[in-house]
């Protein structure tokens, strides 16, 4: 992967690994199970879409990334983990990789 994708693949691999850990914790399932892997992929493609639209400056229909971060994450959590939510205390994530893309008001809303 490193030869094909370059050194940035390590950061992407770590980021996807975190999504796998979150899905495994939320589903109380093995990190290699199909539901965990599927959930991590759904989170990845959903968040990738928002970030891609933001960085391409394509969010021009009245709502920007700052306004969409919280509802996007809520929709992902409710859709993927809705029946598992009551057993978990949510904590504010540390977002060093994307922190520069999101303004302070949006980060505070999380």
N, C-alpha and C. Protein backbone atom coordinates (compact mmCIF):
# COMPACT_ATOMS: atom_id res chain seq x y z
N UNK A 1 0.82 -1.20 0.00
CA UNK A 1 0.00 0.00 0.00
C UNK A 1 0.86 1.26 0.00
N UNK A 2 1.95 1.22 0.75
CA UNK A 2 2.80 2.40 0.84
C UNK A 2 3.39 2.76 -0.52
N UNK A 3 3.84 1.75 -1.29
CA UNK A 3 4.39 2.01 -2.63
C UNK A 3 3.33 2.62 -3.54
N UNK A 4 2.13 2.09 -3.47
CA UNK A 4 1.06 2.53 -4.36
C UNK A 4 0.47 3.87 -3.92
N UNK A 5 0.30 4.07 -2.64
CA UNK A 5 -0.41 5.23 -2.13
C UNK A 5 0.49 6.32 -1.56
N UNK A 6 1.75 6.03 -1.29
CA UNK A 6 2.65 7.01 -0.70
C UNK A 6 2.61 6.95 0.82
N UNK A 7 3.38 7.83 1.44
CA UNK A 7 3.51 7.79 2.90
C UNK A 7 2.25 8.23 3.62
N UNK A 8 1.36 8.95 2.96
CA UNK A 8 0.10 9.37 3.59
C UNK A 8 -0.80 8.21 3.95
N UNK A 9 -0.51 7.04 3.39
CA UNK A 9 -1.34 5.88 3.68
C UNK A 9 -1.30 5.52 5.17
N UNK A 10 -0.19 5.81 5.85
CA UNK A 10 -0.09 5.48 7.27
C UNK A 10 -1.10 6.27 8.09
N UNK A 11 -1.24 7.55 7.80
CA UNK A 11 -2.21 8.37 8.52
C UNK A 11 -3.63 7.90 8.23
N UNK A 12 -3.90 7.57 6.97
CA UNK A 12 -5.23 7.08 6.61
C UNK A 12 -5.51 5.74 7.28
N UNK A 13 -4.50 4.89 7.36
CA UNK A 13 -4.66 3.59 8.00
C UNK A 13 -4.97 3.77 9.48
N UNK A 14 -4.26 4.69 10.13
CA UNK A 14 -4.52 4.96 11.55
C UNK A 14 -5.93 5.50 11.73
N UNK A 15 -6.35 6.40 10.85
CA UNK A 15 -7.68 6.99 10.96
C UNK A 15 -8.75 5.92 10.80
N UNK A 16 -8.58 5.02 9.85
CA UNK A 16 -9.57 3.95 9.66
C UNK A 16 -9.54 2.99 10.85
N UNK A 17 -8.36 2.76 11.40
CA UNK A 17 -8.26 1.91 12.60
C UNK A 17 -9.04 2.47 13.76
N UNK A 18 -9.03 3.79 13.91
CA UNK A 18 -9.81 4.43 14.98
C UNK A 18 -11.30 4.21 14.73
N UNK A 19 -11.72 4.31 13.48
CA UNK A 19 -13.13 4.06 13.15
C UNK A 19 -13.51 2.62 13.46
N UNK A 20 -12.62 1.68 13.18
CA UNK A 20 -12.87 0.28 13.53
C UNK A 20 -13.01 0.11 15.04
N UNK A 21 -12.14 0.77 15.80
CA UNK A 21 -12.21 0.69 17.26
C UNK A 21 -13.53 1.25 17.79
N UNK A 22 -13.95 2.39 17.25
CA UNK A 22 -15.21 3.00 17.68
C UNK A 22 -16.38 2.08 17.36
N UNK A 23 -16.41 1.53 16.15
CA UNK A 23 -17.51 0.64 15.76
C UNK A 23 -17.52 -0.61 16.63
N UNK A 24 -16.36 -1.18 16.91
CA UNK A 24 -16.29 -2.37 17.77
C UNK A 24 -16.80 -2.07 19.16
N UNK A 25 -16.41 -0.91 19.69
CA UNK A 25 -16.87 -0.51 21.03
C UNK A 25 -18.38 -0.28 21.04
N UNK A 26 -18.88 0.41 20.05
CA UNK A 26 -20.31 0.73 20.01
C UNK A 26 -21.16 -0.52 19.81
N UNK A 27 -20.67 -1.46 19.02
CA UNK A 27 -21.44 -2.67 18.74
C UNK A 27 -21.12 -3.80 19.72
N UNK A 28 -20.14 -3.56 20.60
CA UNK A 28 -19.68 -4.58 21.53
C UNK A 28 -19.39 -5.87 20.78
N UNK A 29 -18.59 -5.73 19.72
CA UNK A 29 -18.30 -6.86 18.84
C UNK A 29 -16.82 -6.90 18.53
N UNK A 30 -16.38 -8.01 18.01
CA UNK A 30 -14.99 -8.18 17.61
C UNK A 30 -14.65 -7.21 16.48
N UNK A 31 -13.47 -6.62 16.55
CA UNK A 31 -13.06 -5.62 15.57
C UNK A 31 -12.98 -6.19 14.15
N UNK A 32 -12.85 -7.49 14.02
CA UNK A 32 -12.77 -8.11 12.69
C UNK A 32 -14.11 -8.65 12.20
N UNK A 33 -15.18 -8.40 12.96
CA UNK A 33 -16.49 -8.92 12.54
C UNK A 33 -17.06 -8.09 11.40
N UNK A 34 -17.91 -8.71 10.61
CA UNK A 34 -18.51 -8.02 9.46
C UNK A 34 -19.28 -6.76 9.87
N UNK A 35 -20.13 -6.79 10.93
CA UNK A 35 -20.85 -5.56 11.31
C UNK A 35 -19.92 -4.40 11.67
N UNK A 36 -18.81 -4.70 12.33
CA UNK A 36 -17.85 -3.65 12.69
C UNK A 36 -17.18 -3.09 11.45
N UNK A 37 -16.74 -3.95 10.57
CA UNK A 37 -16.06 -3.51 9.34
C UNK A 37 -17.03 -2.72 8.46
N UNK A 38 -18.27 -3.19 8.33
CA UNK A 38 -19.27 -2.44 7.55
C UNK A 38 -19.52 -1.07 8.16
N UNK A 39 -19.71 -1.02 9.47
CA UNK A 39 -19.98 0.26 10.14
C UNK A 39 -18.83 1.23 9.97
N UNK A 40 -17.61 0.75 10.09
CA UNK A 40 -16.44 1.61 9.92
C UNK A 40 -16.38 2.16 8.49
N UNK A 41 -16.72 1.34 7.51
CA UNK A 41 -16.73 1.81 6.12
C UNK A 41 -17.83 2.85 5.89
N UNK A 42 -18.99 2.66 6.50
CA UNK A 42 -20.08 3.64 6.34
C UNK A 42 -19.66 4.97 6.98
N UNK A 43 -19.05 4.92 8.16
CA UNK A 43 -18.56 6.16 8.79
C UNK A 43 -17.54 6.83 7.88
N UNK A 44 -16.62 6.06 7.37
CA UNK A 44 -15.54 6.58 6.52
C UNK A 44 -16.10 7.28 5.29
N UNK A 45 -16.97 6.60 4.55
CA UNK A 45 -17.48 7.21 3.32
C UNK A 45 -18.37 8.41 3.61
N UNK A 46 -19.11 8.38 4.70
CA UNK A 46 -19.97 9.52 5.04
C UNK A 46 -19.15 10.75 5.41
N UNK A 47 -18.17 10.57 6.28
CA UNK A 47 -17.34 11.70 6.69
C UNK A 47 -16.44 12.15 5.54
N UNK A 48 -15.98 11.22 4.73
CA UNK A 48 -15.16 11.57 3.57
C UNK A 48 -15.94 12.47 2.62
N UNK A 49 -17.21 12.16 2.43
CA UNK A 49 -18.05 12.99 1.56
C UNK A 49 -18.15 14.41 2.06
N UNK A 50 -18.39 14.58 3.35
CA UNK A 50 -18.51 15.93 3.92
C UNK A 50 -17.19 16.69 3.77
N UNK A 51 -16.09 16.05 4.13
CA UNK A 51 -14.79 16.72 4.05
C UNK A 51 -14.43 17.03 2.60
N UNK A 52 -14.72 16.10 1.69
CA UNK A 52 -14.42 16.33 0.27
C UNK A 52 -15.22 17.50 -0.29
N UNK A 53 -16.50 17.54 0.03
CA UNK A 53 -17.32 18.67 -0.43
C UNK A 53 -16.81 19.99 0.14
N UNK A 54 -16.41 19.97 1.42
CA UNK A 54 -15.90 21.18 2.05
C UNK A 54 -14.60 21.65 1.39
N UNK A 55 -13.65 20.73 1.23
CA UNK A 55 -12.36 21.14 0.67
C UNK A 55 -12.47 21.52 -0.81
N UNK A 56 -13.47 21.00 -1.52
CA UNK A 56 -13.68 21.36 -2.92
C UNK A 56 -14.55 22.61 -3.05
N UNK A 57 -14.94 23.18 -1.91
CA UNK A 57 -15.78 24.38 -1.88
C UNK A 57 -17.09 24.16 -2.64
N UNK A 58 -17.70 23.00 -2.42
CA UNK A 58 -18.95 22.64 -3.09
C UNK A 58 -20.16 22.72 -2.16
N UNK A 59 -19.97 23.17 -0.94
CA UNK A 59 -21.08 23.30 0.00
C UNK A 59 -21.66 24.71 -0.13
N UNK A 60 -22.30 24.99 -1.24
CA UNK A 60 -22.80 26.33 -1.50
C UNK A 60 -24.31 26.45 -1.51
N UNK A 61 -25.00 25.55 -0.84
CA UNK A 61 -26.47 25.56 -0.86
C UNK A 61 -27.04 26.02 0.48
N UNK A 62 -26.33 26.88 1.19
CA UNK A 62 -26.84 27.46 2.41
C UNK A 62 -26.27 26.89 3.69
N UNK A 63 -25.62 25.74 3.63
CA UNK A 63 -25.02 25.16 4.83
C UNK A 63 -23.58 24.77 4.53
N UNK A 64 -22.69 25.19 5.41
CA UNK A 64 -21.28 24.84 5.26
C UNK A 64 -20.91 23.69 6.18
N UNK A 65 -19.65 23.32 6.14
CA UNK A 65 -19.16 22.20 6.95
C UNK A 65 -19.40 22.44 8.44
N UNK A 66 -19.19 23.68 8.89
CA UNK A 66 -19.38 23.98 10.31
C UNK A 66 -20.79 23.62 10.77
N UNK A 67 -21.78 23.91 9.93
CA UNK A 67 -23.17 23.63 10.29
C UNK A 67 -23.52 22.16 10.10
N UNK A 68 -22.77 21.44 9.29
CA UNK A 68 -23.12 20.06 8.96
C UNK A 68 -22.38 19.00 9.77
N UNK A 69 -21.31 19.38 10.46
CA UNK A 69 -20.52 18.39 11.20
C UNK A 69 -21.37 17.67 12.23
N UNK A 70 -22.01 18.40 13.11
CA UNK A 70 -22.77 17.77 14.20
C UNK A 70 -23.93 16.93 13.67
N UNK A 71 -24.79 17.43 12.76
CA UNK A 71 -25.88 16.57 12.28
C UNK A 71 -25.39 15.35 11.50
N UNK A 72 -24.25 15.48 10.83
CA UNK A 72 -23.70 14.33 10.11
C UNK A 72 -23.27 13.25 11.08
N UNK A 73 -22.54 13.65 12.11
CA UNK A 73 -22.09 12.67 13.11
C UNK A 73 -23.29 12.07 13.84
N UNK A 74 -24.29 12.91 14.18
CA UNK A 74 -25.48 12.38 14.85
C UNK A 74 -26.21 11.37 13.96
N UNK A 75 -26.32 11.65 12.68
CA UNK A 75 -26.99 10.74 11.76
C UNK A 75 -26.23 9.42 11.65
N UNK A 76 -24.92 9.49 11.60
CA UNK A 76 -24.11 8.28 11.53
C UNK A 76 -24.30 7.45 12.81
N UNK A 77 -24.18 8.10 13.95
CA UNK A 77 -24.32 7.40 15.23
C UNK A 77 -25.71 6.79 15.37
N UNK A 78 -26.74 7.57 15.09
CA UNK A 78 -28.11 7.06 15.21
C UNK A 78 -28.37 5.92 14.23
N UNK A 79 -27.91 6.08 13.00
CA UNK A 79 -28.16 5.07 11.98
C UNK A 79 -27.41 3.77 12.21
N UNK A 80 -26.16 3.87 12.62
CA UNK A 80 -25.35 2.67 12.78
C UNK A 80 -25.46 2.03 14.16
N UNK A 81 -25.63 2.88 15.17
CA UNK A 81 -25.52 2.37 16.53
C UNK A 81 -26.73 2.68 17.40
N UNK A 82 -27.84 3.10 16.78
CA UNK A 82 -29.01 3.56 17.52
C UNK A 82 -29.43 2.68 18.67
N UNK A 83 -29.52 1.37 18.45
CA UNK A 83 -29.98 0.49 19.52
C UNK A 83 -28.90 0.20 20.55
N UNK A 84 -27.68 0.66 20.32
CA UNK A 84 -26.59 0.42 21.25
C UNK A 84 -26.20 1.68 22.04
N UNK A 85 -26.79 2.81 21.69
CA UNK A 85 -26.36 4.10 22.26
C UNK A 85 -26.54 4.19 23.76
N UNK A 86 -27.65 3.72 24.29
CA UNK A 86 -27.95 3.94 25.70
C UNK A 86 -26.90 3.37 26.64
N UNK A 87 -26.08 2.44 26.16
CA UNK A 87 -25.06 1.84 27.02
C UNK A 87 -23.72 2.56 26.97
N UNK A 88 -23.65 3.66 26.24
CA UNK A 88 -22.37 4.33 26.06
C UNK A 88 -22.43 5.79 26.47
N UNK A 89 -21.35 6.23 27.09
CA UNK A 89 -21.17 7.65 27.38
C UNK A 89 -20.29 8.21 26.27
N UNK A 90 -20.80 9.20 25.57
CA UNK A 90 -20.02 9.77 24.48
C UNK A 90 -19.00 10.75 25.02
N UNK A 91 -17.86 10.74 24.41
CA UNK A 91 -16.79 11.65 24.81
C UNK A 91 -16.39 12.48 23.60
N UNK A 92 -15.94 13.64 23.87
CA UNK A 92 -15.52 14.53 22.78
C UNK A 92 -14.24 14.00 22.16
N UNK A 93 -14.25 13.76 20.86
CA UNK A 93 -13.05 13.21 20.22
C UNK A 93 -11.97 14.26 20.04
N UNK A 94 -10.75 13.80 19.99
CA UNK A 94 -9.63 14.65 19.64
C UNK A 94 -9.45 14.51 18.13
N UNK A 95 -9.44 15.62 17.42
CA UNK A 95 -9.41 15.58 15.96
C UNK A 95 -8.18 16.28 15.38
N UNK A 96 -6.98 15.81 15.69
CA UNK A 96 -5.80 16.54 15.22
C UNK A 96 -5.67 16.57 13.71
N UNK A 97 -6.11 15.54 13.00
CA UNK A 97 -5.93 15.47 11.56
C UNK A 97 -6.83 16.46 10.84
N UNK A 98 -8.07 16.62 11.31
CA UNK A 98 -9.03 17.48 10.63
C UNK A 98 -9.28 18.80 11.35
N UNK A 99 -8.61 19.02 12.46
CA UNK A 99 -8.87 20.22 13.26
C UNK A 99 -8.73 21.50 12.45
N UNK A 100 -7.81 21.54 11.52
CA UNK A 100 -7.61 22.74 10.72
C UNK A 100 -8.71 22.98 9.71
N UNK A 101 -9.51 21.96 9.41
CA UNK A 101 -10.59 22.11 8.44
C UNK A 101 -11.88 22.61 9.05
N UNK A 102 -11.99 22.50 10.36
CA UNK A 102 -13.23 22.83 11.04
C UNK A 102 -12.99 24.00 11.97
N UNK A 103 -13.85 25.00 11.92
CA UNK A 103 -13.65 26.18 12.75
C UNK A 103 -13.99 25.87 14.21
N UNK A 104 -13.60 26.72 15.10
CA UNK A 104 -13.83 26.52 16.52
C UNK A 104 -15.29 26.36 16.90
N UNK A 105 -16.24 27.15 16.37
CA UNK A 105 -17.65 26.97 16.77
C UNK A 105 -18.16 25.56 16.50
N UNK A 106 -17.77 24.95 15.38
CA UNK A 106 -18.22 23.60 15.07
C UNK A 106 -17.60 22.60 16.02
N UNK A 107 -16.32 22.78 16.35
CA UNK A 107 -15.68 21.86 17.28
C UNK A 107 -16.34 21.97 18.64
N UNK A 108 -16.72 23.16 19.06
CA UNK A 108 -17.38 23.34 20.34
C UNK A 108 -18.74 22.68 20.39
N UNK A 109 -19.39 22.56 19.23
CA UNK A 109 -20.72 21.97 19.17
C UNK A 109 -20.68 20.46 19.38
N UNK A 110 -19.51 19.84 19.18
CA UNK A 110 -19.41 18.37 19.33
C UNK A 110 -19.51 17.95 20.76
